[in-house]
Protein backbone atom coordinates (compact mmCIF):
# COMPACT_ATOMS: atom_id res chain seq x y z
CA UNK A 1 -56.63 164.44 198.66
CA UNK A 2 -54.04 162.66 196.43
CA UNK A 3 -53.86 163.17 192.63
CA UNK A 4 -51.85 160.63 190.50
CA UNK A 5 -50.28 161.90 187.22
CA UNK A 6 -49.13 159.27 184.64
CA UNK A 7 -46.64 160.19 181.91
CA UNK A 8 -47.07 158.57 178.46
CA UNK A 9 -43.51 159.30 177.45
CA UNK A 10 -41.66 157.64 180.34
CA UNK A 11 -44.42 155.39 181.58
CA UNK A 12 -43.89 156.62 185.09
CA UNK A 13 -46.38 158.20 187.46
CA UNK A 14 -46.36 160.94 190.03
CA UNK A 15 -48.69 161.66 192.86
CA UNK A 16 -49.65 165.05 194.20
CA UNK A 17 -51.06 165.68 197.59
CA UNK A 18 -53.71 168.49 197.41
CA UNK A 19 -54.23 170.61 200.39
CA UNK A 20 -57.50 172.09 201.63
CA UNK A 21 -57.24 175.27 199.55
CA UNK A 22 -56.22 173.37 196.47
CA UNK A 23 -59.18 171.07 196.82
CA UNK A 24 -61.47 174.07 197.26
CA UNK A 25 -60.08 175.74 194.17
CA UNK A 26 -60.46 172.58 192.13
CA UNK A 27 -64.03 172.14 193.31
CA UNK A 28 -64.78 175.74 192.44
CA UNK A 29 -63.40 175.22 188.96
CA UNK A 30 -65.45 172.08 188.47
CA UNK A 31 -68.62 173.84 189.59
CA UNK A 32 -67.91 177.16 187.79
CA UNK A 33 -67.50 175.61 184.37
CA UNK A 34 -71.12 174.38 184.12
CA UNK A 35 -72.38 177.62 185.62
CA UNK A 36 -70.34 179.59 183.11
CA UNK A 37 -71.76 177.54 180.29
CA UNK A 38 -75.27 178.14 181.58
CA UNK A 39 -74.59 181.88 181.93
CA UNK A 40 -73.09 182.00 178.45
CA UNK A 41 -76.12 180.21 177.04
CA UNK A 42 -78.40 182.65 178.83
CA UNK A 43 -76.61 185.69 177.50
CA UNK A 44 -76.53 184.25 173.98
CA UNK A 45 -80.28 183.58 174.20
CA UNK A 46 -80.96 187.09 175.42
CA UNK A 47 -78.93 188.55 172.56
CA UNK A 48 -80.80 186.38 170.03
CA UNK A 49 -84.15 187.41 171.51
CA UNK A 50 -83.16 191.07 171.40
CA UNK A 51 -82.04 190.67 167.79
CA UNK A 52 -85.33 189.02 166.86
CA UNK A 53 -87.19 191.82 168.62
CA UNK A 54 -85.22 194.43 166.69
CA UNK A 55 -85.85 192.58 163.43
CA UNK A 56 -89.59 192.39 164.16
CA UNK A 57 -89.75 196.08 165.07
CA UNK A 58 -87.88 197.00 161.88
CA UNK A 59 -90.23 194.86 159.77
CA UNK A 60 -93.25 196.46 161.44
CA UNK A 61 -91.87 199.97 160.84
CA UNK A 62 -91.15 199.14 157.20
CA UNK A 63 -94.69 197.78 156.75
CA UNK A 64 -96.13 200.97 158.31
CA UNK A 65 -93.97 203.14 156.08
CA UNK A 66 -95.09 201.16 153.02
CA UNK A 67 -98.75 201.60 154.04
CA UNK A 68 -98.29 205.33 154.55
CA UNK A 69 -96.50 205.61 151.20
CA UNK A 70 -99.42 203.86 149.49
CA UNK A 71 -101.92 206.17 151.21
CA UNK A 72 -99.89 209.24 150.20
CA UNK A 73 -99.76 208.04 146.60
CA UNK A 74 -103.52 207.56 146.64
CA UNK A 75 -104.02 211.06 148.04
CA UNK A 76 -101.69 212.48 145.38
CA UNK A 77 -103.59 210.76 142.57
CA UNK A 78 -106.91 211.92 144.02
CA UNK A 79 -105.59 215.49 144.25
CA UNK A 80 -104.41 215.32 140.63
CA UNK A 81 -107.84 214.05 139.50
CA UNK A 82 -109.59 216.87 141.36
CA UNK A 83 -107.15 219.44 139.96
CA UNK A 84 -107.70 218.12 136.44
CA UNK A 85 -111.47 218.24 136.91
CA UNK A 86 -111.24 221.81 138.24
CA UNK A 87 -109.02 222.79 135.30
CA UNK A 88 -111.59 221.43 132.85
CA UNK A 89 -114.37 223.22 134.73
CA UNK A 90 -112.45 226.49 134.62
CA UNK A 91 -111.83 226.09 130.87
CA UNK A 92 -115.53 225.49 130.30
CA UNK A 93 -116.46 228.50 132.43
CA UNK A 94 -113.99 230.68 130.56
CA UNK A 95 -115.50 229.59 127.23
CA UNK A 96 -118.99 230.37 128.52
CA UNK A 97 -117.83 233.75 129.81
CA UNK A 98 -116.36 234.55 126.38
CA UNK A 99 -119.69 233.62 124.80
CA UNK A 100 -121.57 235.78 127.30
CA UNK A 101 -119.26 238.73 126.58
CA UNK A 102 -119.88 238.35 122.84
CA UNK A 103 -123.62 238.00 123.40
CA UNK A 104 -123.60 241.04 125.68
CA UNK A 105 -121.80 243.14 123.09
CA UNK A 106 -124.26 241.94 120.44
CA UNK A 107 -127.22 242.85 122.62
CA UNK A 108 -125.68 246.23 123.42
CA UNK A 109 -125.47 246.95 119.70
CA UNK A 110 -129.02 245.69 119.10
CA UNK A 111 -130.43 247.81 121.90
CA UNK A 112 -128.63 250.94 120.59
CA UNK A 113 -127.04 251.60 123.97
CA UNK A 114 -124.56 254.42 124.26
CA UNK A 115 -120.85 253.66 124.01
CA UNK A 116 -119.40 252.88 127.39
CA UNK A 117 -122.74 252.24 129.09
CA UNK A 118 -122.08 248.52 129.02
CA UNK A 119 -118.44 247.84 128.15
CA UNK A 120 -118.05 244.06 128.03
CA UNK A 121 -114.35 244.33 127.20
CA UNK A 122 -113.60 245.66 130.71
CA UNK A 123 -114.12 243.98 134.11
CA UNK A 124 -116.98 245.42 136.18
CA UNK A 125 -116.00 248.20 138.56
CA UNK A 126 -116.17 247.17 142.23
CA UNK A 127 -114.88 248.55 145.54
CA UNK A 128 -115.69 249.29 149.17
CA UNK A 129 -114.27 250.72 152.39
CA UNK A 130 -111.55 249.02 154.40
CA UNK A 131 -113.10 246.60 156.89
CA UNK A 132 -112.77 247.75 160.52
CA UNK A 133 -112.14 244.24 161.82
CA UNK A 134 -109.30 242.74 159.83
CA UNK A 135 -108.64 239.96 162.33
CA UNK A 136 -111.46 237.72 161.12
CA UNK A 137 -110.15 234.23 160.54
CA UNK A 138 -109.88 233.36 156.87
CA UNK A 139 -111.53 230.13 155.88
CA UNK A 140 -110.46 228.54 152.61
CA UNK A 141 -113.47 228.21 150.29
CA UNK A 142 -114.71 224.95 148.89
CA UNK A 143 -113.43 225.49 145.35
CA UNK A 144 -115.50 222.68 143.86
CA UNK A 145 -118.67 224.05 145.46
CA UNK A 146 -117.80 227.60 144.41
CA UNK A 147 -117.26 226.51 140.81
CA UNK A 148 -120.57 224.65 140.81
CA UNK A 149 -122.38 227.69 142.19
CA UNK A 150 -120.72 229.95 139.63
CA UNK A 151 -121.69 227.57 136.81
CA UNK A 152 -125.33 227.64 137.96
CA UNK A 153 -125.29 231.45 137.98
CA UNK A 154 -123.79 231.47 134.50
CA UNK A 155 -126.56 229.16 133.28
CA UNK A 156 -129.20 231.52 134.66
CA UNK A 157 -127.52 234.54 133.02
CA UNK A 158 -127.25 232.71 129.71
CA UNK A 159 -130.95 231.89 129.75
CA UNK A 160 -131.85 235.48 130.61
CA UNK A 161 -129.63 236.91 127.89
CA UNK A 162 -130.99 234.44 125.33
CA UNK A 163 -134.55 235.51 126.17
CA UNK A 164 -133.50 239.17 125.90
CA UNK A 165 -131.80 238.46 122.58
CA UNK A 166 -134.97 236.81 121.28
CA UNK A 167 -137.09 239.79 122.34
CA UNK A 168 -134.66 242.29 120.81
CA UNK A 169 -134.45 240.24 117.62
CA UNK A 170 -138.23 240.23 117.25
CA UNK A 171 -138.30 243.95 117.95
CA UNK A 172 -135.56 244.48 115.37
CA UNK A 173 -137.46 242.42 112.82
CA UNK A 174 -140.62 244.41 113.52
CA UNK A 175 -138.68 247.64 113.06
CA UNK A 176 -137.12 246.31 109.84
CA UNK A 177 -140.53 245.45 108.42
CA UNK A 178 -142.03 248.76 109.58
CA UNK A 179 -142.71 250.70 106.36
CA UNK A 180 -141.70 254.31 106.92
CA UNK A 181 -139.53 257.09 105.51
CA UNK A 182 -138.57 258.26 102.07
CA UNK A 183 -137.24 256.02 99.26
CA UNK A 184 -134.36 258.40 98.53
CA UNK A 185 -131.38 259.70 100.47
CA UNK A 186 -131.56 263.06 98.71
CA UNK A 187 -134.37 264.49 96.60
CA UNK A 188 -137.68 266.38 96.60
CA UNK A 189 -141.32 265.62 95.85
CA UNK A 190 -142.04 266.49 92.23
CA UNK A 191 -145.54 264.99 92.06
CA UNK A 192 -147.95 263.80 94.74
CA UNK A 193 -150.50 261.02 95.09
CA UNK A 194 -153.99 261.44 93.52
CA UNK A 195 -155.51 262.98 90.43
CA UNK A 196 -153.17 265.17 88.38
CA UNK A 197 -152.55 266.42 84.85
CA UNK A 198 -150.68 263.75 82.88
CA UNK A 199 -147.29 265.21 81.76
CA UNK A 200 -147.53 263.40 78.41
CA UNK A 201 -151.24 263.60 77.42
CA UNK A 202 -152.19 266.75 79.29
CA UNK A 203 -155.34 265.03 80.53
CA UNK A 204 -156.49 264.52 84.12
CA UNK A 205 -155.49 261.07 85.35
CA UNK A 206 -154.87 259.16 88.55
CA UNK A 207 -151.35 259.06 89.93
CA UNK A 208 -150.99 256.12 92.38
CA UNK A 209 -147.67 257.13 93.89
CA UNK A 210 -145.29 259.93 94.85
CA UNK A 211 -142.48 261.09 92.58
CA UNK A 212 -139.13 262.02 94.16
CA UNK A 213 -136.84 263.89 91.77
CA UNK A 214 -133.09 263.93 92.24
CA UNK A 215 -129.72 263.38 90.68
CA UNK A 216 -129.47 260.60 88.13
CA UNK A 217 -127.56 257.64 89.51
CA UNK A 218 -128.26 258.48 93.17
CA UNK A 219 -129.39 255.71 95.51
CA UNK A 220 -132.97 254.48 95.71
CA UNK A 221 -133.41 252.81 99.11
CA UNK A 222 -135.89 250.33 100.60
CA UNK A 223 -138.27 251.92 103.11
CA UNK A 224 -138.50 248.61 105.03
CA UNK A 225 -137.01 245.16 105.13
CA UNK A 226 -138.58 242.50 102.98
CA UNK A 227 -138.26 240.14 100.00
CA UNK A 228 -137.81 241.28 96.41
CA UNK A 229 -140.74 239.92 94.39
CA UNK A 230 -139.94 241.67 91.11
CA UNK A 231 -136.87 243.27 89.55
CA UNK A 232 -136.80 244.12 85.87
CA UNK A 233 -138.21 246.22 83.04
CA UNK A 234 -141.97 246.68 83.34
CA UNK A 235 -143.86 247.25 80.06
CA UNK A 236 -146.64 249.33 81.61
CA UNK A 237 -144.56 252.49 81.63
CA UNK A 238 -142.75 251.86 84.92
CA UNK A 239 -139.48 251.18 83.14
CA UNK A 240 -136.89 249.51 85.41
CA UNK A 241 -138.77 248.69 88.59
CA UNK A 242 -138.22 246.91 91.91
CA UNK A 243 -141.08 245.49 93.97
CA UNK A 244 -140.59 244.46 97.62
CA UNK A 245 -143.02 242.52 99.84
CA UNK A 246 -142.87 243.42 103.55
CA UNK A 247 -145.49 241.05 104.93
CA UNK A 248 -148.82 241.92 106.50
CA UNK A 249 -150.16 242.68 103.02
CA UNK A 250 -147.76 245.59 102.38
CA UNK A 251 -145.87 245.93 99.07
CA UNK A 252 -143.73 248.84 97.84
CA UNK A 253 -142.69 249.70 94.28
CA UNK A 254 -139.74 251.76 93.03
CA UNK A 255 -139.94 252.66 89.32
CA UNK A 256 -138.13 254.52 86.46
CA UNK A 257 -134.75 253.36 87.73
CA UNK A 258 -131.53 253.70 85.81
CA UNK A 259 -130.58 250.20 86.99
CA UNK A 260 -131.67 247.72 89.65
CA UNK A 261 -129.26 246.47 92.33
CA UNK A 262 -131.28 243.46 93.56
CA UNK A 263 -132.79 240.28 92.15
CA UNK A 264 -136.10 238.48 92.82
CA UNK A 265 -135.84 236.46 96.05
CA UNK A 266 -133.24 238.75 97.63
CA UNK A 267 -133.72 239.80 101.22
CA UNK A 268 -133.34 243.53 101.67
CA UNK A 269 -132.99 245.61 104.82
CA UNK A 270 -134.44 248.95 105.70
CA UNK A 271 -132.33 251.72 104.14
CA UNK A 272 -130.52 249.36 101.78
CA UNK A 273 -129.85 250.73 98.26
CA UNK A 274 -131.89 248.65 95.81
CA UNK A 275 -131.63 250.74 92.62
CA UNK A 276 -130.10 253.82 91.05
CA UNK A 277 -132.33 256.77 90.17
CA UNK A 278 -133.06 257.20 86.46
CA UNK A 279 -135.69 258.08 83.87
CA UNK A 280 -136.49 254.74 82.27
CA UNK A 281 -140.03 254.06 81.07
CA UNK A 282 -142.61 256.81 80.90
CA UNK A 283 -140.66 259.60 82.62
CA UNK A 284 -139.65 263.18 81.82
CA UNK A 285 -136.48 263.19 83.92
CA UNK A 286 -134.55 261.38 86.67
CA UNK A 287 -136.82 260.51 89.57
CA UNK A 288 -138.24 257.52 91.46
CA UNK A 289 -141.94 256.73 91.32
CA UNK A 290 -142.80 255.33 94.77
CA UNK A 291 -145.99 253.30 95.37
CA UNK A 292 -147.41 251.49 98.41
CA UNK A 293 -149.97 248.68 98.11
CA UNK A 294 -152.06 247.42 101.00
CA UNK A 295 -153.66 244.03 100.34
CA UNK A 296 -153.40 244.63 96.60
CA UNK A 297 -154.84 248.17 96.59
CA UNK A 298 -152.78 251.36 96.12
CA UNK A 299 -152.71 253.70 99.12
CA UNK A 300 -151.25 257.18 99.62
CA UNK A 301 -147.53 256.66 100.42
CA UNK A 302 -147.34 259.98 102.30
CA UNK A 303 -148.95 258.40 105.38
CA UNK A 304 -146.09 255.87 105.45
CA UNK A 305 -143.41 258.42 104.63
CA UNK A 306 -144.40 260.44 107.70
CA UNK A 307 -144.77 257.33 109.82
CA UNK A 308 -142.87 257.18 113.10
CA UNK A 309 -141.77 254.16 115.13
CA UNK A 310 -144.32 252.35 117.20
């Protein structure tokens, strides 16, 4: 094979005679160049495909991470809402427990229970032996369900205590209105109920009460709770007098007082001082003239003085 080379500079030409190996090498070069280009294109395509695959995988992973992040944020917000709801429930339960403690202490006082029998300022005493099997699997309780159950139990206890309070209140009111006892803290009977010799006229006359003599200025007390219907100076010889209505047709009078401590319309309790002992009106010395009226008629107060609780 002959190859002719032409020179631009000198305008001459040269010819080369290629041998068999030269021709083979030249043919190999001519064939290898297209194959190399094809191989290069293939490898470039593979690299591009791999890069696209990596980019797609990265995008997919980022999308998955974003989804998981959104789900975690939702779970966090839900947990915060539940925690806030539980916090509010606990605050409400604590307030109700405080009210129950106060109500329990009030009922303890109303029922005249001994000190320490029901101490609502201390937690209840509990205990028990050590369990033989301590390997029992612990299961976390459903706090929301436990709180709901506890709230229902509190509601039941509140209703029971309110009923008990109502019963004790009615019993207390009955005891307050129960006419019994003496109208003085200290003193003695100086004149009884019935016919007697009048200390001023010397004649036999009816005496519709009991006289309790004592120290001037000492307390005159109500024998039962009620409403003051009269407080002032009576012109029929009673002097300074207090009259109390106790309901059920019962009225008590306290006369010859030095001074009265209550006014008409006042509510008085059993044992409350309502006057100071004196000798006002038709009296020979300091004492209280005590009368009991039943449906408008005077009755012997001694039966009420000796009265005991029902």
